[in-house]
Amino acid sequence: MELSEKELSEINGGIGAWAVFGIIAGVIFLIGVLDGYVRPAKCN
């Protein structure tokens, strides 16, 4: 069974580019927080 172009455009789901960006940014933020907690560096 093949779907028409209209049916294909009406399908919802998946993950968007902004969601991927948010997940990556969140992981980087958590890594930075943990790094700062484990290895605190003095400010100059």
PDB file of N, CA and C in Angstrom:
ATOM      1  N   MET A   1       0.830  -1.175   0.000  1.00  0.00           N
ATOM      2  CA  MET A   1       0.000   0.000   0.000  1.00  0.00           C
ATOM      3  C   MET A   1       0.877   1.242   0.000  1.00  0.00           C
ATOM      4  N   GLU A   2       0.662   2.121  -0.934  1.00  0.00           N
ATOM      5  CA  GLU A   2       1.412   3.364  -1.005  1.00  0.00           C
ATOM      6  C   GLU A   2       0.517   4.524  -0.612  1.00  0.00           C
ATOM      7  N   LEU A   3       1.118   5.507   0.029  1.00  0.00           N
ATOM      8  CA  LEU A   3       0.380   6.684   0.461  1.00  0.00           C
ATOM      9  C   LEU A   3       0.525   7.797  -0.574  1.00  0.00           C
ATOM     10  N   SER A   4      -0.504   8.602  -0.666  1.00  0.00           N
ATOM     11  CA  SER A   4      -0.432   9.737  -1.584  1.00  0.00           C
ATOM     12  C   SER A   4       0.373  10.856  -0.926  1.00  0.00           C
ATOM     13  N   GLU A   5       0.705  11.874  -1.708  1.00  0.00           N
ATOM     14  CA  GLU A   5       1.460  13.014  -1.188  1.00  0.00           C
ATOM     15  C   GLU A   5       0.703  13.697  -0.052  1.00  0.00           C
ATOM     16  N   LYS A   6      -0.595  13.812  -0.182  1.00  0.00           N
ATOM     17  CA  LYS A   6      -1.404  14.457   0.850  1.00  0.00           C
ATOM     18  C   LYS A   6      -1.367  13.650   2.137  1.00  0.00           C
ATOM     19  N   GLU A   7      -1.501  12.340   2.027  1.00  0.00           N
ATOM     20  CA  GLU A   7      -1.473  11.490   3.213  1.00  0.00           C
ATOM     21  C   GLU A   7      -0.100  11.546   3.889  1.00  0.00           C
ATOM     22  N   LEU A   8       0.952  11.582   3.091  1.00  0.00           N
ATOM     23  CA  LEU A   8       2.294  11.659   3.651  1.00  0.00           C
ATOM     24  C   LEU A   8       2.508  12.964   4.411  1.00  0.00           C
ATOM     25  N   SER A   9       1.958  14.064   3.898  1.00  0.00           N
ATOM     26  CA  SER A   9       2.146  15.361   4.547  1.00  0.00           C
ATOM     27  C   SER A   9       1.354  15.485   5.837  1.00  0.00           C
ATOM     28  N   GLU A  10       0.354  14.630   6.028  1.00  0.00           N
ATOM     29  CA  GLU A  10      -0.473  14.695   7.228  1.00  0.00           C
ATOM     30  C   GLU A  10       0.030  13.808   8.361  1.00  0.00           C
ATOM     31  N   ILE A  11       1.110  13.075   8.141  1.00  0.00           N
ATOM     32  CA  ILE A  11       1.651  12.197   9.172  1.00  0.00           C
ATOM     33  C   ILE A  11       2.423  13.040  10.181  1.00  0.00           C
ATOM     34  N   ASN A  12       2.092  12.856  11.458  1.00  0.00           N
ATOM     35  CA  ASN A  12       2.797  13.544  12.539  1.00  0.00           C
ATOM     36  C   ASN A  12       3.684  12.556  13.256  1.00  0.00           C
ATOM     37  N   GLY A  13       4.798  13.053  13.793  1.00  0.00           N
ATOM     38  CA  GLY A  13       5.680  12.193  14.569  1.00  0.00           C
ATOM     39  C   GLY A  13       7.130  12.479  14.268  1.00  0.00           C
ATOM     40  N   GLY A  14       7.971  11.704  14.863  1.00  0.00           N
ATOM     41  CA  GLY A  14       9.399  11.884  14.676  1.00  0.00           C
ATOM     42  C   GLY A  14       9.952  12.923  15.630  1.00  0.00           C
ATOM     43  N   ILE A  15      11.156  13.328  15.375  1.00  0.00           N
ATOM     44  CA  ILE A  15      11.823  14.319  16.227  1.00  0.00           C
ATOM     45  C   ILE A  15      12.299  15.453  15.334  1.00  0.00           C
ATOM     46  N   GLY A  16      12.094  16.662  15.798  1.00  0.00           N
ATOM     47  CA  GLY A  16      12.451  17.835  15.012  1.00  0.00           C
ATOM     48  C   GLY A  16      13.882  18.264  15.248  1.00  0.00           C
ATOM     49  N   ALA A  17      14.361  19.149  14.400  1.00  0.00           N
ATOM     50  CA  ALA A  17      15.731  19.654  14.504  1.00  0.00           C
ATOM     51  C   ALA A  17      15.936  20.414  15.806  1.00  0.00           C
ATOM     52  N   TRP A  18      14.916  21.165  16.238  1.00  0.00           N
ATOM     53  CA  TRP A  18      15.057  21.925  17.486  1.00  0.00           C
ATOM     54  C   TRP A  18      15.138  20.989  18.683  1.00  0.00           C
ATOM     55  N   ALA A  19      14.447  19.876  18.628  1.00  0.00           N
ATOM     56  CA  ALA A  19      14.512  18.907  19.725  1.00  0.00           C
ATOM     57  C   ALA A  19      15.909  18.304  19.819  1.00  0.00           C
ATOM     58  N   VAL A  20      16.489  17.972  18.680  1.00  0.00           N
ATOM     59  CA  VAL A  20      17.846  17.427  18.652  1.00  0.00           C
ATOM     60  C   VAL A  20      18.823  18.458  19.205  1.00  0.00           C
ATOM     61  N   PHE A  21      18.686  19.711  18.771  1.00  0.00           N
ATOM     62  CA  PHE A  21      19.555  20.781  19.259  1.00  0.00           C
ATOM     63  C   PHE A  21      19.409  20.948  20.772  1.00  0.00           C
ATOM     64  N   GLY A  22      18.187  20.916  21.264  1.00  0.00           N
ATOM     65  CA  GLY A  22      17.949  21.066  22.698  1.00  0.00           C
ATOM     66  C   GLY A  22      18.554  19.937  23.508  1.00  0.00           C
ATOM     67  N   ILE A  23      18.445  18.728  23.012  1.00  0.00           N
ATOM     68  CA  ILE A  23      19.019  17.576  23.713  1.00  0.00           C
ATOM     69  C   ILE A  23      20.537  17.694  23.773  1.00  0.00           C
ATOM     70  N   ILE A  24      21.153  18.057  22.650  1.00  0.00           N
ATOM     71  CA  ILE A  24      22.610  18.202  22.606  1.00  0.00           C
ATOM     72  C   ILE A  24      23.059  19.328  23.537  1.00  0.00           C
ATOM     73  N   ALA A  25      22.358  20.464  23.499  1.00  0.00           N
ATOM     74  CA  ALA A  25      22.714  21.591  24.367  1.00  0.00           C
ATOM     75  C   ALA A  25      22.557  21.204  25.836  1.00  0.00           C
ATOM     76  N   GLY A  26      21.514  20.472  26.171  1.00  0.00           N
ATOM     77  CA  GLY A  26      21.309  20.039  27.546  1.00  0.00           C
ATOM     78  C   GLY A  26      22.404  19.105  28.033  1.00  0.00           C
ATOM     79  N   VAL A  27      22.823  18.200  27.185  1.00  0.00           N
ATOM     80  CA  VAL A  27      23.897  17.272  27.551  1.00  0.00           C
ATOM     81  C   VAL A  27      25.199  18.036  27.763  1.00  0.00           C
ATOM     82  N   ILE A  28      25.505  18.976  26.873  1.00  0.00           N
ATOM     83  CA  ILE A  28      26.726  19.775  27.012  1.00  0.00           C
ATOM     84  C   ILE A  28      26.680  20.597  28.302  1.00  0.00           C
ATOM     85  N   PHE A  29      25.515  21.158  28.620  1.00  0.00           N
ATOM     86  CA  PHE A  29      25.363  21.931  29.843  1.00  0.00           C
ATOM     87  C   PHE A  29      25.614  21.055  31.073  1.00  0.00           C
ATOM     88  N   LEU A  30      25.021  19.869  31.091  1.00  0.00           N
ATOM     89  CA  LEU A  30      25.206  18.969  32.233  1.00  0.00           C
ATOM     90  C   LEU A  30      26.663  18.531  32.372  1.00  0.00           C
ATOM     91  N   ILE A  31      27.326  18.294  31.261  1.00  0.00           N
ATOM     92  CA  ILE A  31      28.744  17.934  31.310  1.00  0.00           C
ATOM     93  C   ILE A  31      29.542  19.085  31.915  1.00  0.00           C
ATOM     94  N   GLY A  32      29.228  20.316  31.530  1.00  0.00           N
ATOM     95  CA  GLY A  32      29.921  21.478  32.078  1.00  0.00           C
ATOM     96  C   GLY A  32      29.679  21.650  33.560  1.00  0.00           C
ATOM     97  N   VAL A  33      28.445  21.434  34.004  1.00  0.00           N
ATOM     98  CA  VAL A  33      28.129  21.549  35.433  1.00  0.00           C
ATOM     99  C   VAL A  33      28.887  20.482  36.223  1.00  0.00           C
ATOM    100  N   LEU A  34      28.853  19.256  35.740  1.00  0.00           N
ATOM    101  CA  LEU A  34      29.563  18.184  36.443  1.00  0.00           C
ATOM    102  C   LEU A  34      31.066  18.419  36.444  1.00  0.00           C
ATOM    103  N   ASP A  35      31.611  18.904  35.349  1.00  0.00           N
ATOM    104  CA  ASP A  35      33.038  19.194  35.265  1.00  0.00           C
ATOM    105  C   ASP A  35      33.410  20.291  36.258  1.00  0.00           C
ATOM    106  N   GLY A  36      32.589  21.321  36.359  1.00  0.00           N
ATOM    107  CA  GLY A  36      32.867  22.396  37.308  1.00  0.00           C
ATOM    108  C   GLY A  36      32.744  21.943  38.745  1.00  0.00           C
ATOM    109  N   TYR A  37      31.880  21.022  39.020  1.00  0.00           N
ATOM    110  CA  TYR A  37      31.715  20.497  40.372  1.00  0.00           C
ATOM    111  C   TYR A  37      32.879  19.577  40.754  1.00  0.00           C
ATOM    112  N   VAL A  38      33.309  18.749  39.819  1.00  0.00           N
ATOM    113  CA  VAL A  38      34.357  17.772  40.101  1.00  0.00           C
ATOM    114  C   VAL A  38      35.732  18.436  40.086  1.00  0.00           C
ATOM    115  N   ARG A  39      35.958  19.349  39.150  1.00  0.00           N
ATOM    116  CA  ARG A  39      37.255  20.026  39.027  1.00  0.00           C
ATOM    117  C   ARG A  39      37.074  21.540  39.096  1.00  0.00           C
ATOM    118  N   PRO A  40      36.833  22.078  40.270  1.00  0.00           N
ATOM    119  CA  PRO A  40      36.635  23.528  40.350  1.00  0.00           C
ATOM    120  C   PRO A  40      37.917  24.277  40.012  1.00  0.00           C
ATOM    121  N   ALA A  41      37.813  25.301  39.210  1.00  0.00           N
ATOM    122  CA  ALA A  41      38.967  26.129  38.841  1.00  0.00           C
ATOM    123  C   ALA A  41      38.761  27.510  39.432  1.00  0.00           C
ATOM    124  N   LYS A  42      39.859  28.100  39.901  1.00  0.00           N
ATOM    125  CA  LYS A  42      39.781  29.445  40.474  1.00  0.00           C
ATOM    126  C   LYS A  42      39.673  30.483  39.376  1.00  0.00           C
ATOM    127  N   CYS A  43      38.948  31.548  39.659  1.00  0.00           N
ATOM    128  CA  CYS A  43      38.835  32.650  38.712  1.00  0.00           C
ATOM    129  C   CYS A  43      40.086  33.519  38.797  1.00  0.00           C
ATOM    130  N   ASN A  44      40.522  34.048  37.675  1.00  0.00           N
ATOM    131  CA  ASN A  44      41.708  34.917  37.647  1.00  0.00           C
ATOM    132  C   ASN A  44      41.310  36.351  37.904  1.00  0.00           C
TER     133      ASN A  44
END
